[in-house]
C-alpha atoms as a PDB file:
ATOM      1  CA  MET A   1       0.000   0.000   0.000  1.00  0.00           C
ATOM      2  CA  GLU A   2       1.221   3.499  -0.852  1.00  0.00           C
ATOM      3  CA  SER A   3       2.058   5.919   1.931  1.00  0.00           C
ATOM      4  CA  ALA A   4      -0.312   8.771   2.666  1.00  0.00           C
ATOM      5  CA  PHE A   5       2.263  11.171   1.247  1.00  0.00           C
ATOM      6  CA  ALA A   6       2.578   9.229  -2.014  1.00  0.00           C
ATOM      7  CA  ILE A   7      -1.185   9.276  -2.388  1.00  0.00           C
ATOM      8  CA  ILE A   8      -1.582  13.008  -1.890  1.00  0.00           C
ATOM      9  CA  ALA A   9       1.500  13.771  -3.993  1.00  0.00           C
ATOM     10  CA  GLU A  10      -0.650  13.334  -7.107  1.00  0.00           C
ATOM     11  CA  PRO A  11      -2.081  16.798  -8.017  1.00  0.00           C
ATOM     12  CA  ASN A  12      -5.484  15.539  -9.182  1.00  0.00           C
ATOM     13  CA  ARG A  13      -6.002  13.692  -5.907  1.00  0.00           C
ATOM     14  CA  ARG A  14      -5.163  16.846  -3.968  1.00  0.00           C
ATOM     15  CA  ALA A  15      -7.644  18.783  -6.125  1.00  0.00           C
ATOM     16  CA  ILE A  16     -10.326  16.179  -5.388  1.00  0.00           C
ATOM     17  CA  LEU A  17      -9.597  16.365  -1.657  1.00  0.00           C
ATOM     18  CA  SER A  18      -9.796  20.163  -1.808  1.00  0.00           C
ATOM     19  CA  LEU A  19     -13.242  19.960  -3.392  1.00  0.00           C
ATOM     20  CA  LEU A  20     -14.416  17.410  -0.853  1.00  0.00           C
ATOM     21  CA  ALA A  21     -13.163  19.581   2.013  1.00  0.00           C
ATOM     22  CA  SER A  22     -16.141  21.900   1.566  1.00  0.00           C
ATOM     23  CA  SER A  23     -18.866  19.299   0.963  1.00  0.00           C
ATOM     24  CA  GLU A  24     -19.581  15.818  -0.266  1.00  0.00           C
ATOM     25  CA  ARG A  25     -19.790  15.497  -4.036  1.00  0.00           C
ATOM     26  CA  SER A  26     -20.690  13.073  -6.770  1.00  0.00           C
ATOM     27  CA  VAL A  27     -18.297  11.998  -9.505  1.00  0.00           C
ATOM     28  CA  GLY A  28     -20.259  14.234 -11.882  1.00  0.00           C
ATOM     29  CA  ASP A  29     -19.785  17.245  -9.595  1.00  0.00           C
ATOM     30  CA  ILE A  30     -16.052  16.590  -9.392  1.00  0.00           C
ATOM     31  CA  GLU A  31     -15.871  16.104 -13.147  1.00  0.00           C
ATOM     32  CA  ALA A  32     -17.602  19.454 -13.741  1.00  0.00           C
ATOM     33  CA  GLN A  33     -15.351  21.296 -11.286  1.00  0.00           C
ATOM     34  CA  LEU A  34     -12.005  19.824 -12.357  1.00  0.00           C
ATOM     35  CA  GLY A  35     -12.588  19.154 -16.041  1.00  0.00           C
ATOM     36  CA  LEU A  36     -11.161  15.644 -15.777  1.00  0.00           C
ATOM     37  CA  ALA A  37     -12.626  12.633 -17.533  1.00  0.00           C
ATOM     38  CA  GLN A  38     -14.963  10.461 -15.474  1.00  0.00           C
ATOM     39  CA  PRO A  39     -12.735   7.350 -15.688  1.00  0.00           C
ATOM     40  CA  SER A  40      -9.786   9.357 -14.356  1.00  0.00           C
ATOM     41  CA  ILE A  41     -11.828  10.742 -11.459  1.00  0.00           C
ATOM     42  CA  SER A  42     -13.133   7.281 -10.615  1.00  0.00           C
ATOM     43  CA  LYS A  43      -9.576   5.908 -10.604  1.00  0.00           C
ATOM     44  CA  HIS A  44      -8.369   8.643  -8.241  1.00  0.00           C
ATOM     45  CA  LEU A  45     -11.402   8.229  -5.982  1.00  0.00           C
ATOM     46  CA  ARG A  46     -10.741   4.475  -5.795  1.00  0.00           C
ATOM     47  CA  VAL A  47      -7.146   5.125  -4.685  1.00  0.00           C
ATOM     48  CA  LEU A  48      -8.310   7.694  -2.131  1.00  0.00           C
ATOM     49  CA  ARG A  49     -11.041   5.355  -0.860  1.00  0.00           C
ATOM     50  CA  GLU A  50      -8.714   2.357  -0.534  1.00  0.00           C
ATOM     51  CA  ALA A  51      -6.233   4.505   1.382  1.00  0.00           C
ATOM     52  CA  GLY A  52      -8.973   5.707   3.741  1.00  0.00           C
ATOM     53  CA  PHE A  53      -8.988   9.358   2.646  1.00  0.00           C
ATOM     54  CA  VAL A  54     -12.578   9.306   1.388  1.00  0.00           C
ATOM     55  CA  GLU A  55     -15.720   7.295   1.866  1.00  0.00           C
ATOM     56  CA  SER A  56     -18.876   7.079  -0.192  1.00  0.00           C
ATOM     57  CA  ARG A  57     -22.567   6.611   0.281  1.00  0.00           C
ATOM     58  CA  VAL A  58     -25.310   5.808  -2.192  1.00  0.00           C
ATOM     59  CA  ASP A  59     -27.946   8.478  -2.743  1.00  0.00           C
ATOM     60  CA  ALA A  60     -30.602   7.242  -5.184  1.00  0.00           C
ATOM     61  CA  GLN A  61     -28.779   6.740  -8.507  1.00  0.00           C
ATOM     62  CA  ARG A  62     -25.499   8.343  -7.553  1.00  0.00           C
ATOM     63  CA  ARG A  63     -22.616   7.788  -5.185  1.00  0.00           C
ATOM     64  CA  LEU A  64     -21.524  10.722  -3.013  1.00  0.00           C
ATOM     65  CA  TYR A  65     -17.966  11.008  -1.735  1.00  0.00           C
ATOM     66  CA  ARG A  66     -16.757  12.794   1.397  1.00  0.00           C
ATOM     67  CA  ILE A  67     -13.477  13.188   3.235  1.00  0.00           C
ATOM     68  CA  LYS A  68     -12.476  10.954   6.105  1.00  0.00           C
ATOM     69  CA  PRO A  69     -10.303  13.127   8.360  1.00  0.00           C
ATOM     70  CA  GLU A  70      -8.201  10.465  10.100  1.00  0.00           C
ATOM     71  CA  PRO A  71      -5.456  10.059   7.445  1.00  0.00           C
ATOM     72  CA  LEU A  72      -5.250  13.848   7.118  1.00  0.00           C
ATOM     73  CA  ALA A  73      -4.811  14.159  10.889  1.00  0.00           C
ATOM     74  CA  GLU A  74      -1.810  11.813  10.618  1.00  0.00           C
ATOM     75  CA  ILE A  75      -0.256  14.072   7.961  1.00  0.00           C
ATOM     76  CA  ASP A  76      -1.058  17.164  10.028  1.00  0.00           C
ATOM     77  CA  ALA A  77       0.695  15.638  13.037  1.00  0.00           C
ATOM     78  CA  TRP A  78       3.769  14.911  10.934  1.00  0.00           C
ATOM     79  CA  LEU A  79       3.790  18.510   9.651  1.00  0.00           C
ATOM     80  CA  ALA A  80       3.454  20.081  13.134  1.00  0.00           C
ATOM     81  CA  PRO A  81       7.209  20.500  13.818  1.00  0.00           C
ATOM     82  CA  PHE A  82       7.708  22.098  10.406  1.00  0.00           C
ATOM     83  CA  ARG A  83       4.814  24.464  11.031  1.00  0.00           C
ATOM     84  CA  GLN A  84       6.461  25.527  14.299  1.00  0.00           C
ATOM     85  CA  PHE A  85       9.740  26.085  12.447  1.00  0.00           C
ATOM     86  CA  TRP A  86       8.097  28.384   9.896  1.00  0.00           C
ATOM     87  CA  LEU A  87       6.005  30.215  12.481  1.00  0.00           C
ATOM     88  CA  GLY A  88       9.194  31.199  14.293  1.00  0.00           C
ATOM     89  CA  HIS A  89      10.704  32.527  11.078  1.00  0.00           C
ATOM     90  CA  ILE A  90       7.536  34.379  10.114  1.00  0.00           C
ATOM     91  CA  ASP A  91       7.337  35.940  13.589  1.00  0.00           C
ATOM     92  CA  ALA A  92      10.970  37.080  13.265  1.00  0.00           C
ATOM     93  CA  LEU A  93      10.258  38.588   9.857  1.00  0.00           C
ATOM     94  CA  GLU A  94       7.233  40.415  11.242  1.00  0.00           C
ATOM     95  CA  ARG A  95       9.341  41.876  14.091  1.00  0.00           C
ATOM     96  CA  HIS A  96      12.016  42.947  11.594  1.00  0.00           C
ATOM     97  CA  LEU A  97       9.458  44.651   9.352  1.00  0.00           C
ATOM     98  CA  ASP A  98       7.858  46.390  12.336  1.00  0.00           C
ATOM     99  CA  GLN A  99      11.282  47.733  13.350  1.00  0.00           C
ATOM    100  CA  ALA A 100      12.030  48.835   9.778  1.00  0.00           C
ATOM    101  CA  ASP A 101       8.728  50.746   9.672  1.00  0.00           C
ATOM    102  CA  ALA A 102       9.594  52.511  12.924  1.00  0.00           C
ATOM    103  CA  VAL A 103      12.884  53.909  11.533  1.00  0.00           C
ATOM    104  CA  PRO A 104      12.357  57.270   9.777  1.00  0.00           C
ATOM    105  CA  HIS A 105      13.320  57.156   6.134  1.00  0.00           C
ATOM    106  CA  ARG A 106      15.808  59.747   4.839  1.00  0.00           C
ATOM    107  CA  LYS A 107      15.778  60.967   1.311  1.00  0.00           C
ATOM    108  CA  GLY A 108      19.048  60.366  -0.408  1.00  0.00           C
ATOM    109  CA  LYS A 109      21.020  63.180  -2.035  1.00  0.00           C
ATOM    110  CA  LYS A 110      21.199  63.238  -5.787  1.00  0.00           C
ATOM    111  CA  ASN A 111      24.674  63.326  -7.225  1.00  0.00           C
ATOM    112  CA  ALA A 112      25.202  66.147  -9.721  1.00  0.00           C
END
């Protein structure tokens, strides 16, 4: 079985997950939003379903897909230390920019 990172490394799968983050959708809805062929969407949804990223339910004549958050929580936990690393750097940049704004700017002399 592929790792969670290998599964979400594929751009179309990430696009599908992004769509499903807001609401459950049918294959037809995903097809209309992403402009991918139905067989391609079905293939990606099968991979996502087998890996536990999505689940489906039958609604009359169509199948609706929605996100299962557990695998994403695992990825989020792995990313936590990196997020802390970047937050520290972003905070330092913000302090630097605040200090730069506090220093009065002098107009330079033009050389004749």
